[in-house]
């Protein structure tokens, strides 16, 4: 089956089985490895992308459901103002530890801020609860989302090298 997609603003056509997960089309057919495979069951959030602006689990989204729709991946999220603020906050607060889940975290955080420009800590925790971070950087994730939203971080973060407060 030939499927037309718009990925990060660029028209793409792939030949694929209709039930092949979007995750594998992105990684294998379009050579976009930023979207990660985590659990394969849509439970961990590592594979999160935006489909017509909505955060979806690409491991559970068949390519047939993405046909003709706009897909944004981690490679293109910073093209939007909100995505840029989120990625900048992630860097400024040194959020990732191992980094494996962070693409999905950033995609979910960007979707949150598109729907709720000034989320509370409870809003953030609720929205992000479907994204697992095995390194437990949840406090830094929350602080980065708050910074991207123009809100004060609720937790003091320290630079491990010199003990200086960074947020």
N, C-alpha and C. Protein backbone atom coordinates (compact mmCIF):
# COMPACT_ATOMS: atom_id res chain seq x y z
N UNK A 1 0.85 -1.17 0.00
CA UNK A 1 0.00 0.00 0.00
C UNK A 1 0.90 1.24 0.00
N UNK A 2 0.59 2.19 -0.85
CA UNK A 2 1.30 3.45 -0.91
C UNK A 2 0.59 4.46 0.00
N UNK A 3 1.34 5.06 0.93
CA UNK A 3 0.76 5.97 1.91
C UNK A 3 1.45 7.33 1.81
N UNK A 4 0.63 8.39 1.70
CA UNK A 4 1.15 9.76 1.69
C UNK A 4 1.07 10.34 3.09
N UNK A 5 2.17 10.90 3.53
CA UNK A 5 2.27 11.50 4.86
C UNK A 5 2.93 12.86 4.75
N UNK A 6 2.68 13.70 5.72
CA UNK A 6 3.45 14.92 5.86
C UNK A 6 4.19 14.79 7.19
N UNK A 7 5.51 14.67 7.11
CA UNK A 7 6.32 14.47 8.30
C UNK A 7 7.20 15.70 8.50
N UNK A 8 6.98 16.39 9.61
CA UNK A 8 7.73 17.61 9.93
C UNK A 8 7.67 18.61 8.77
N UNK A 9 6.46 18.74 8.20
CA UNK A 9 6.22 19.71 7.14
C UNK A 9 6.63 19.27 5.75
N UNK A 10 7.15 18.07 5.63
CA UNK A 10 7.64 17.57 4.34
C UNK A 10 6.78 16.41 3.85
N UNK A 11 6.31 16.51 2.61
CA UNK A 11 5.50 15.44 2.03
C UNK A 11 6.37 14.21 1.80
N UNK A 12 5.85 13.06 2.22
CA UNK A 12 6.58 11.80 2.06
C UNK A 12 5.59 10.74 1.58
N UNK A 13 6.06 9.79 0.81
CA UNK A 13 5.27 8.65 0.37
C UNK A 13 6.05 7.39 0.73
N UNK A 14 5.38 6.45 1.37
CA UNK A 14 6.02 5.18 1.72
C UNK A 14 5.14 4.04 1.22
N UNK A 15 5.79 2.94 0.89
CA UNK A 15 5.09 1.71 0.57
C UNK A 15 5.18 0.83 1.79
N UNK A 16 4.03 0.46 2.34
CA UNK A 16 4.03 -0.28 3.60
C UNK A 16 2.73 -1.06 3.74
N UNK A 17 2.77 -2.08 4.57
CA UNK A 17 1.54 -2.76 4.96
C UNK A 17 0.69 -1.77 5.75
N UNK A 18 -0.62 -1.82 5.57
CA UNK A 18 -1.52 -0.88 6.23
C UNK A 18 -1.45 -0.94 7.75
N UNK A 19 -1.09 -2.10 8.30
CA UNK A 19 -1.08 -2.25 9.75
C UNK A 19 0.30 -2.07 10.37
N UNK A 20 1.30 -1.72 9.57
CA UNK A 20 2.64 -1.48 10.12
C UNK A 20 2.58 -0.26 11.03
N UNK A 21 3.12 -0.36 12.25
CA UNK A 21 3.08 0.78 13.17
C UNK A 21 3.86 1.98 12.62
N UNK A 22 3.30 3.15 12.85
CA UNK A 22 3.93 4.40 12.44
C UNK A 22 5.36 4.48 12.96
N UNK A 23 5.61 4.01 14.17
CA UNK A 23 6.96 4.01 14.75
C UNK A 23 7.97 3.40 13.78
N UNK A 24 7.64 2.23 13.24
CA UNK A 24 8.58 1.52 12.38
C UNK A 24 8.68 2.15 11.00
N UNK A 25 7.60 2.78 10.53
CA UNK A 25 7.68 3.51 9.27
C UNK A 25 8.66 4.67 9.44
N UNK A 26 8.54 5.41 10.54
CA UNK A 26 9.45 6.53 10.80
C UNK A 26 10.90 6.05 10.90
N UNK A 27 11.13 5.05 11.70
CA UNK A 27 12.50 4.59 11.96
C UNK A 27 13.11 3.85 10.78
N UNK A 28 12.37 2.93 10.19
CA UNK A 28 12.94 2.07 9.15
C UNK A 28 12.79 2.63 7.74
N UNK A 29 11.59 3.09 7.42
CA UNK A 29 11.33 3.53 6.05
C UNK A 29 11.76 4.97 5.78
N UNK A 30 11.67 5.81 6.79
CA UNK A 30 12.02 7.22 6.61
C UNK A 30 13.33 7.60 7.28
N UNK A 31 14.01 6.65 7.89
CA UNK A 31 15.32 6.86 8.52
C UNK A 31 15.31 8.01 9.51
N UNK A 32 14.31 7.98 10.40
CA UNK A 32 14.16 9.00 11.44
C UNK A 32 14.20 8.29 12.79
N UNK A 33 15.39 8.08 13.34
CA UNK A 33 15.54 7.27 14.56
C UNK A 33 15.25 7.99 15.87
N UNK A 34 14.85 9.25 15.84
CA UNK A 34 14.62 9.99 17.08
C UNK A 34 13.46 9.46 17.89
N UNK A 35 12.42 8.96 17.23
CA UNK A 35 11.29 8.37 17.92
C UNK A 35 11.72 6.98 18.38
N UNK A 36 11.60 6.72 19.65
CA UNK A 36 12.16 5.49 20.25
C UNK A 36 11.12 4.40 20.45
N UNK A 37 11.57 3.16 20.39
CA UNK A 37 10.78 2.00 20.76
C UNK A 37 11.04 1.75 22.24
N UNK A 38 9.98 1.69 23.01
CA UNK A 38 10.13 1.41 24.43
C UNK A 38 9.50 0.08 24.79
N UNK A 39 8.20 0.07 24.93
CA UNK A 39 7.51 -1.13 25.38
C UNK A 39 6.75 -1.84 24.26
N UNK A 40 6.40 -1.13 23.21
CA UNK A 40 5.63 -1.71 22.12
C UNK A 40 4.15 -1.87 22.41
N UNK A 41 3.72 -1.45 23.58
CA UNK A 41 2.32 -1.59 23.98
C UNK A 41 1.65 -0.24 24.24
N UNK A 42 2.33 0.86 23.95
CA UNK A 42 1.75 2.17 24.16
C UNK A 42 1.69 2.60 25.61
N UNK A 43 2.48 1.98 26.47
CA UNK A 43 2.40 2.25 27.90
C UNK A 43 3.50 3.16 28.44
N UNK A 44 4.62 3.26 27.74
CA UNK A 44 5.76 3.98 28.31
C UNK A 44 5.93 5.39 27.76
N UNK A 45 5.41 5.67 26.57
CA UNK A 45 5.48 7.01 26.01
C UNK A 45 6.73 7.34 25.21
N UNK A 46 7.70 6.44 25.14
CA UNK A 46 8.95 6.73 24.42
C UNK A 46 8.71 7.00 22.94
N UNK A 47 7.65 6.44 22.39
CA UNK A 47 7.39 6.56 20.95
C UNK A 47 6.43 7.69 20.60
N UNK A 48 6.16 8.59 21.52
CA UNK A 48 5.17 9.65 21.29
C UNK A 48 5.56 10.58 20.15
N UNK A 49 4.60 10.81 19.25
CA UNK A 49 4.70 11.79 18.17
C UNK A 49 3.39 12.56 18.15
N UNK A 50 3.32 13.59 17.34
CA UNK A 50 2.07 14.33 17.17
C UNK A 50 1.46 13.94 15.83
N UNK A 51 0.19 13.61 15.83
CA UNK A 51 -0.57 13.29 14.63
C UNK A 51 -1.68 14.32 14.55
N UNK A 52 -1.58 15.20 13.54
CA UNK A 52 -2.49 16.34 13.44
C UNK A 52 -2.57 17.10 14.76
N UNK A 53 -1.42 17.28 15.41
CA UNK A 53 -1.32 18.07 16.63
C UNK A 53 -1.60 17.33 17.92
N UNK A 54 -2.09 16.11 17.86
CA UNK A 54 -2.40 15.33 19.05
C UNK A 54 -1.26 14.36 19.36
N UNK A 55 -0.92 14.25 20.63
CA UNK A 55 0.11 13.29 21.04
C UNK A 55 -0.46 11.88 20.92
N UNK A 56 0.26 11.02 20.19
CA UNK A 56 -0.16 9.62 20.02
C UNK A 56 1.05 8.71 20.23
N UNK A 57 0.77 7.48 20.56
CA UNK A 57 1.81 6.46 20.69
C UNK A 57 2.01 5.83 19.32
N UNK A 58 3.13 6.10 18.71
CA UNK A 58 3.36 5.64 17.34
C UNK A 58 3.54 4.14 17.24
N UNK A 59 3.86 3.47 18.34
CA UNK A 59 3.99 2.01 18.31
C UNK A 59 2.64 1.34 18.17
N UNK A 60 1.57 2.06 18.49
CA UNK A 60 0.22 1.52 18.44
C UNK A 60 -0.63 2.15 17.35
N UNK A 61 -0.04 3.03 16.55
CA UNK A 61 -0.77 3.72 15.48
C UNK A 61 -0.41 3.10 14.15
N UNK A 62 -1.35 2.39 13.51
CA UNK A 62 -1.04 1.82 12.20
C UNK A 62 -0.85 2.93 11.17
N UNK A 63 0.02 2.69 10.23
CA UNK A 63 0.31 3.70 9.21
C UNK A 63 -0.96 4.11 8.47
N UNK A 64 -1.90 3.20 8.32
CA UNK A 64 -3.16 3.54 7.64
C UNK A 64 -3.91 4.65 8.38
N UNK A 65 -3.77 4.74 9.70
CA UNK A 65 -4.41 5.80 10.48
C UNK A 65 -3.70 7.15 10.32
N UNK A 66 -2.47 7.12 9.85
CA UNK A 66 -1.69 8.35 9.68
C UNK A 66 -1.74 8.89 8.26
N UNK A 67 -2.31 8.12 7.33
CA UNK A 67 -2.35 8.52 5.92
C UNK A 67 -3.02 9.89 5.77
N UNK A 68 -2.33 10.77 5.05
CA UNK A 68 -2.86 12.10 4.77
C UNK A 68 -2.82 13.08 5.93
N UNK A 69 -2.25 12.67 7.05
CA UNK A 69 -2.22 13.52 8.23
C UNK A 69 -0.83 14.11 8.43
N UNK A 70 -0.77 15.17 9.23
CA UNK A 70 0.50 15.82 9.56
C UNK A 70 1.10 15.15 10.79
N UNK A 71 2.34 14.71 10.65
CA UNK A 71 3.06 14.06 11.72
C UNK A 71 4.22 14.96 12.13
N UNK A 72 4.36 15.17 13.42
CA UNK A 72 5.52 15.89 13.94
C UNK A 72 6.28 14.93 14.83
N UNK A 73 7.58 14.83 14.60
CA UNK A 73 8.44 13.96 15.40
C UNK A 73 9.41 14.83 16.21
N UNK A 74 10.22 14.20 17.01
CA UNK A 74 11.22 14.92 17.79
C UNK A 74 12.16 15.71 16.88
N UNK A 75 12.39 15.19 15.68
CA UNK A 75 13.28 15.90 14.75
C UNK A 75 12.69 17.23 14.29
N UNK A 76 11.37 17.39 14.37
CA UNK A 76 10.74 18.61 13.89
C UNK A 76 10.00 19.42 14.93
N UNK A 77 9.97 18.97 16.18
CA UNK A 77 9.15 19.63 17.20
C UNK A 77 9.60 21.07 17.46
N UNK A 78 10.88 21.35 17.35
CA UNK A 78 11.39 22.70 17.66
C UNK A 78 11.05 23.72 16.58
N UNK A 79 10.40 23.30 15.49
CA UNK A 79 9.97 24.24 14.46
C UNK A 79 8.81 25.11 14.95
N UNK A 80 8.08 24.62 15.96
CA UNK A 80 7.00 25.42 16.53
C UNK A 80 7.55 26.22 17.71
N UNK A 81 6.93 27.34 18.01
CA UNK A 81 7.40 28.18 19.12
C UNK A 81 7.34 27.42 20.44
N UNK A 82 6.27 26.68 20.67
CA UNK A 82 6.15 25.93 21.92
C UNK A 82 7.20 24.83 21.98
N UNK A 83 7.35 24.09 20.89
CA UNK A 83 8.36 23.03 20.85
C UNK A 83 9.76 23.56 21.08
N UNK A 84 10.04 24.73 20.55
CA UNK A 84 11.36 25.36 20.74
C UNK A 84 11.56 25.72 22.21
N UNK A 85 10.53 26.29 22.84
CA UNK A 85 10.64 26.64 24.27
C UNK A 85 10.86 25.39 25.12
N UNK A 86 10.16 24.31 24.77
CA UNK A 86 10.31 23.06 25.54
C UNK A 86 11.71 22.51 25.36
N UNK A 87 12.19 22.40 24.13
CA UNK A 87 13.53 21.84 23.92
C UNK A 87 14.60 22.73 24.54
N UNK A 88 14.43 24.04 24.47
CA UNK A 88 15.39 24.95 25.11
C UNK A 88 15.41 24.75 26.62
N UNK A 89 14.24 24.58 27.23
CA UNK A 89 14.17 24.36 28.68
C UNK A 89 14.81 23.02 29.05
N UNK A 90 14.61 22.01 28.21
CA UNK A 90 15.22 20.69 28.47
C UNK A 90 16.75 20.82 28.53
N UNK A 91 17.29 21.60 27.60
CA UNK A 91 18.74 21.79 27.56
C UNK A 91 19.20 22.64 28.74
N UNK A 92 18.50 23.75 28.98
CA UNK A 92 18.90 24.67 30.05
C UNK A 92 18.91 23.99 31.42
N UNK A 93 17.96 23.09 31.65
CA UNK A 93 17.87 22.43 32.95
C UNK A 93 18.52 21.05 32.95
N UNK A 94 19.19 20.71 31.86
CA UNK A 94 19.91 19.43 31.77
C UNK A 94 19.02 18.27 32.22
N UNK A 95 17.83 18.20 31.60
CA UNK A 95 16.83 17.22 32.01
C UNK A 95 17.26 15.77 31.81
N UNK A 96 17.77 15.39 30.65
CA UNK A 96 18.03 13.96 30.42
C UNK A 96 19.15 13.40 31.29
N UNK A 97 18.99 12.18 31.66
CA UNK A 97 20.08 11.44 32.28
C UNK A 97 20.57 10.47 31.21
N UNK A 98 19.89 9.35 31.00
CA UNK A 98 20.30 8.48 29.90
C UNK A 98 19.76 9.01 28.58
N UNK A 99 18.60 9.70 28.63
CA UNK A 99 18.04 10.34 27.45
C UNK A 99 17.11 9.51 26.61
N UNK A 100 17.01 8.22 26.87
CA UNK A 100 16.23 7.35 25.99
C UNK A 100 14.77 7.77 25.88
N UNK A 101 14.14 8.11 26.96
CA UNK A 101 12.71 8.46 26.96
C UNK A 101 12.45 9.91 26.60
N UNK A 102 13.47 10.71 26.50
CA UNK A 102 13.28 12.15 26.43
C UNK A 102 12.58 12.65 25.18
N UNK A 103 12.74 11.98 24.04
CA UNK A 103 12.01 12.40 22.84
C UNK A 103 10.50 12.34 23.11
N UNK A 104 10.06 11.23 23.68
CA UNK A 104 8.64 11.09 24.01
C UNK A 104 8.19 12.08 25.08
N UNK A 105 9.07 12.33 26.05
CA UNK A 105 8.75 13.30 27.10
C UNK A 105 8.55 14.69 26.50
N UNK A 106 9.46 15.09 25.62
CA UNK A 106 9.38 16.40 24.97
C UNK A 106 8.12 16.52 24.11
N UNK A 107 7.80 15.45 23.38
CA UNK A 107 6.61 15.48 22.54
C UNK A 107 5.34 15.61 23.40
N UNK A 108 5.27 14.90 24.51
CA UNK A 108 4.12 15.00 25.40
C UNK A 108 4.05 16.37 26.06
N UNK A 109 5.19 16.89 26.49
CA UNK A 109 5.23 18.21 27.13
C UNK A 109 4.78 19.29 26.16
N UNK A 110 5.19 19.19 24.92
CA UNK A 110 4.79 20.17 23.91
C UNK A 110 3.28 20.11 23.68
N UNK A 111 2.73 18.91 23.60
CA UNK A 111 1.28 18.76 23.43
C UNK A 111 0.53 19.34 24.62
N UNK A 112 1.06 19.13 25.83
CA UNK A 112 0.45 19.70 27.03
C UNK A 112 0.38 21.22 26.92
N UNK A 113 1.51 21.85 26.60
CA UNK A 113 1.55 23.32 26.57
C UNK A 113 0.72 23.89 25.43
N UNK A 114 0.48 23.13 24.39
CA UNK A 114 -0.43 23.58 23.32
C UNK A 114 -1.86 23.62 23.83
N UNK A 115 -2.20 22.72 24.74
CA UNK A 115 -3.56 22.67 25.28
C UNK A 115 -3.72 23.51 26.54
N UNK A 116 -2.66 23.64 27.31
CA UNK A 116 -2.73 24.34 28.59
C UNK A 116 -1.45 25.15 28.75
N UNK A 117 -1.51 26.43 28.43
CA UNK A 117 -0.33 27.27 28.39
C UNK A 117 0.31 27.50 29.76
N UNK A 118 -0.46 27.39 30.82
CA UNK A 118 0.05 27.65 32.18
C UNK A 118 -0.38 26.51 33.12
N UNK A 119 0.15 25.32 32.91
CA UNK A 119 -0.29 24.19 33.73
C UNK A 119 0.22 24.24 35.16
N UNK A 120 -0.58 23.73 36.07
CA UNK A 120 -0.15 23.58 37.46
C UNK A 120 0.74 22.34 37.55
N UNK A 121 1.38 22.16 38.69
CA UNK A 121 2.19 20.96 38.90
C UNK A 121 1.31 19.71 38.77
N UNK A 122 0.09 19.79 39.26
CA UNK A 122 -0.83 18.66 39.17
C UNK A 122 -1.22 18.39 37.72
N UNK A 123 -1.44 19.46 36.93
CA UNK A 123 -1.75 19.29 35.51
C UNK A 123 -0.59 18.58 34.80
N UNK A 124 0.62 19.03 35.10
CA UNK A 124 1.81 18.45 34.48
C UNK A 124 1.93 16.98 34.86
N UNK A 125 1.83 16.68 36.14
CA UNK A 125 1.96 15.30 36.61
C UNK A 125 0.91 14.41 35.98
N UNK A 126 -0.32 14.89 35.88
CA UNK A 126 -1.40 14.10 35.29
C UNK A 126 -1.16 13.84 33.82
N UNK A 127 -0.81 14.90 33.08
CA UNK A 127 -0.59 14.78 31.64
C UNK A 127 0.60 13.88 31.33
N UNK A 128 1.65 14.03 32.09
CA UNK A 128 2.89 13.31 31.81
C UNK A 128 2.91 11.91 32.43
N UNK A 129 1.88 11.53 33.14
CA UNK A 129 1.88 10.24 33.84
C UNK A 129 2.01 9.04 32.90
N UNK A 130 1.71 9.20 31.64
CA UNK A 130 1.86 8.11 30.69
C UNK A 130 3.26 7.98 30.11
N UNK A 131 4.16 8.84 30.51
CA UNK A 131 5.55 8.79 30.04
C UNK A 131 6.44 8.34 31.19
N UNK A 132 7.11 7.23 30.97
CA UNK A 132 7.97 6.66 32.00
C UNK A 132 9.42 7.08 31.77
N UNK A 133 10.07 7.47 32.85
CA UNK A 133 11.50 7.78 32.83
C UNK A 133 12.18 6.84 33.82
N UNK A 134 12.92 5.91 33.30
CA UNK A 134 13.56 4.93 34.18
C UNK A 134 14.67 5.56 35.04
N UNK A 135 15.16 6.71 34.63
CA UNK A 135 16.18 7.41 35.42
C UNK A 135 15.55 8.33 36.46
N UNK A 136 14.23 8.45 36.44
CA UNK A 136 13.47 9.25 37.41
C UNK A 136 13.83 10.73 37.40
N UNK A 137 13.89 11.32 36.22
CA UNK A 137 14.16 12.76 36.15
C UNK A 137 12.86 13.57 36.18
N UNK A 138 11.85 13.04 36.84
CA UNK A 138 10.53 13.67 36.84
C UNK A 138 10.53 15.09 37.39
N UNK A 139 11.33 15.38 38.42
CA UNK A 139 11.36 16.74 38.96
C UNK A 139 11.95 17.71 37.95
N UNK A 140 12.98 17.29 37.23
CA UNK A 140 13.57 18.15 36.20
C UNK A 140 12.62 18.30 35.02
N UNK A 141 11.90 17.24 34.68
CA UNK A 141 10.91 17.31 33.60
C UNK A 141 9.85 18.34 33.96
N UNK A 142 9.32 18.26 35.18
CA UNK A 142 8.30 19.22 35.61
C UNK A 142 8.86 20.64 35.59
N UNK A 143 10.06 20.82 36.10
CA UNK A 143 10.68 22.14 36.12
C UNK A 143 10.87 22.69 34.70
N UNK A 144 11.27 21.85 33.77
CA UNK A 144 11.47 22.29 32.38
C UNK A 144 10.15 22.68 31.74
N UNK A 145 9.10 21.93 32.01
CA UNK A 145 7.78 22.29 31.46
C UNK A 145 7.34 23.62 32.02
N UNK A 146 7.53 23.81 33.31
CA UNK A 146 7.14 25.09 33.93
C UNK A 146 7.97 26.24 33.35
N UNK A 147 9.25 26.01 33.14
CA UNK A 147 10.10 27.06 32.55
C UNK A 147 9.63 27.37 31.13
N UNK A 148 9.31 26.34 30.35
CA UNK A 148 8.84 26.55 28.97
C UNK A 148 7.52 27.32 28.95
N UNK A 149 6.73 27.16 30.02
CA UNK A 149 5.46 27.87 30.13
C UNK A 149 5.62 29.27 30.71
N UNK A 150 6.84 29.63 31.07
CA UNK A 150 7.08 30.94 31.66
C UNK A 150 6.71 31.00 33.13
N UNK A 151 6.65 29.85 33.77
CA UNK A 151 6.32 29.76 35.20
C UNK A 151 7.59 29.47 35.99
N UNK A 152 7.62 29.83 37.26
CA UNK A 152 8.80 29.49 38.07
C UNK A 152 8.86 27.99 38.33
N UNK A 153 10.05 27.46 38.31
CA UNK A 153 10.24 26.05 38.65
C UNK A 153 9.90 25.87 40.11
N UNK A 154 9.28 24.76 40.46
CA UNK A 154 8.88 24.51 41.84
C UNK A 154 9.95 23.83 42.66
N UNK A 155 10.97 23.33 42.00
CA UNK A 155 12.00 22.58 42.71
C UNK A 155 13.35 23.17 42.34
N UNK A 156 14.20 23.33 43.30
CA UNK A 156 15.55 23.82 43.03
C UNK A 156 16.37 22.69 42.42
N UNK A 157 17.02 22.98 41.34
CA UNK A 157 17.90 22.02 40.69
C UNK A 157 19.33 22.49 40.86
N UNK A 158 20.22 21.56 41.06
CA UNK A 158 21.61 21.92 41.29
C UNK A 158 22.50 21.27 40.26
N UNK A 159 23.52 21.99 39.87
CA UNK A 159 24.53 21.46 38.96
C UNK A 159 25.41 20.52 39.79
N UNK A 160 25.46 19.26 39.37
CA UNK A 160 26.22 18.26 40.14
C UNK A 160 27.70 18.57 40.20
N UNK A 161 28.21 19.27 39.19
CA UNK A 161 29.66 19.54 39.14
C UNK A 161 30.11 20.51 40.22
N UNK A 162 29.31 21.56 40.45
CA UNK A 162 29.78 22.56 41.40
C UNK A 162 28.76 22.91 42.49
N UNK A 163 27.61 22.22 42.48
CA UNK A 163 26.61 22.47 43.51
C UNK A 163 25.88 23.77 43.37
N UNK A 164 26.09 24.49 42.27
CA UNK A 164 25.42 25.77 42.05
C UNK A 164 23.99 25.55 41.60
N UNK A 165 23.07 26.35 42.17
CA UNK A 165 21.67 26.24 41.80
C UNK A 165 21.50 26.72 40.36
N UNK A 166 20.75 25.93 39.54
CA UNK A 166 20.55 26.30 38.14
C UNK A 166 19.10 26.64 37.85
N UNK A 167 18.19 26.37 38.75
CA UNK A 167 16.78 26.75 38.53
C UNK A 167 16.09 26.93 39.86
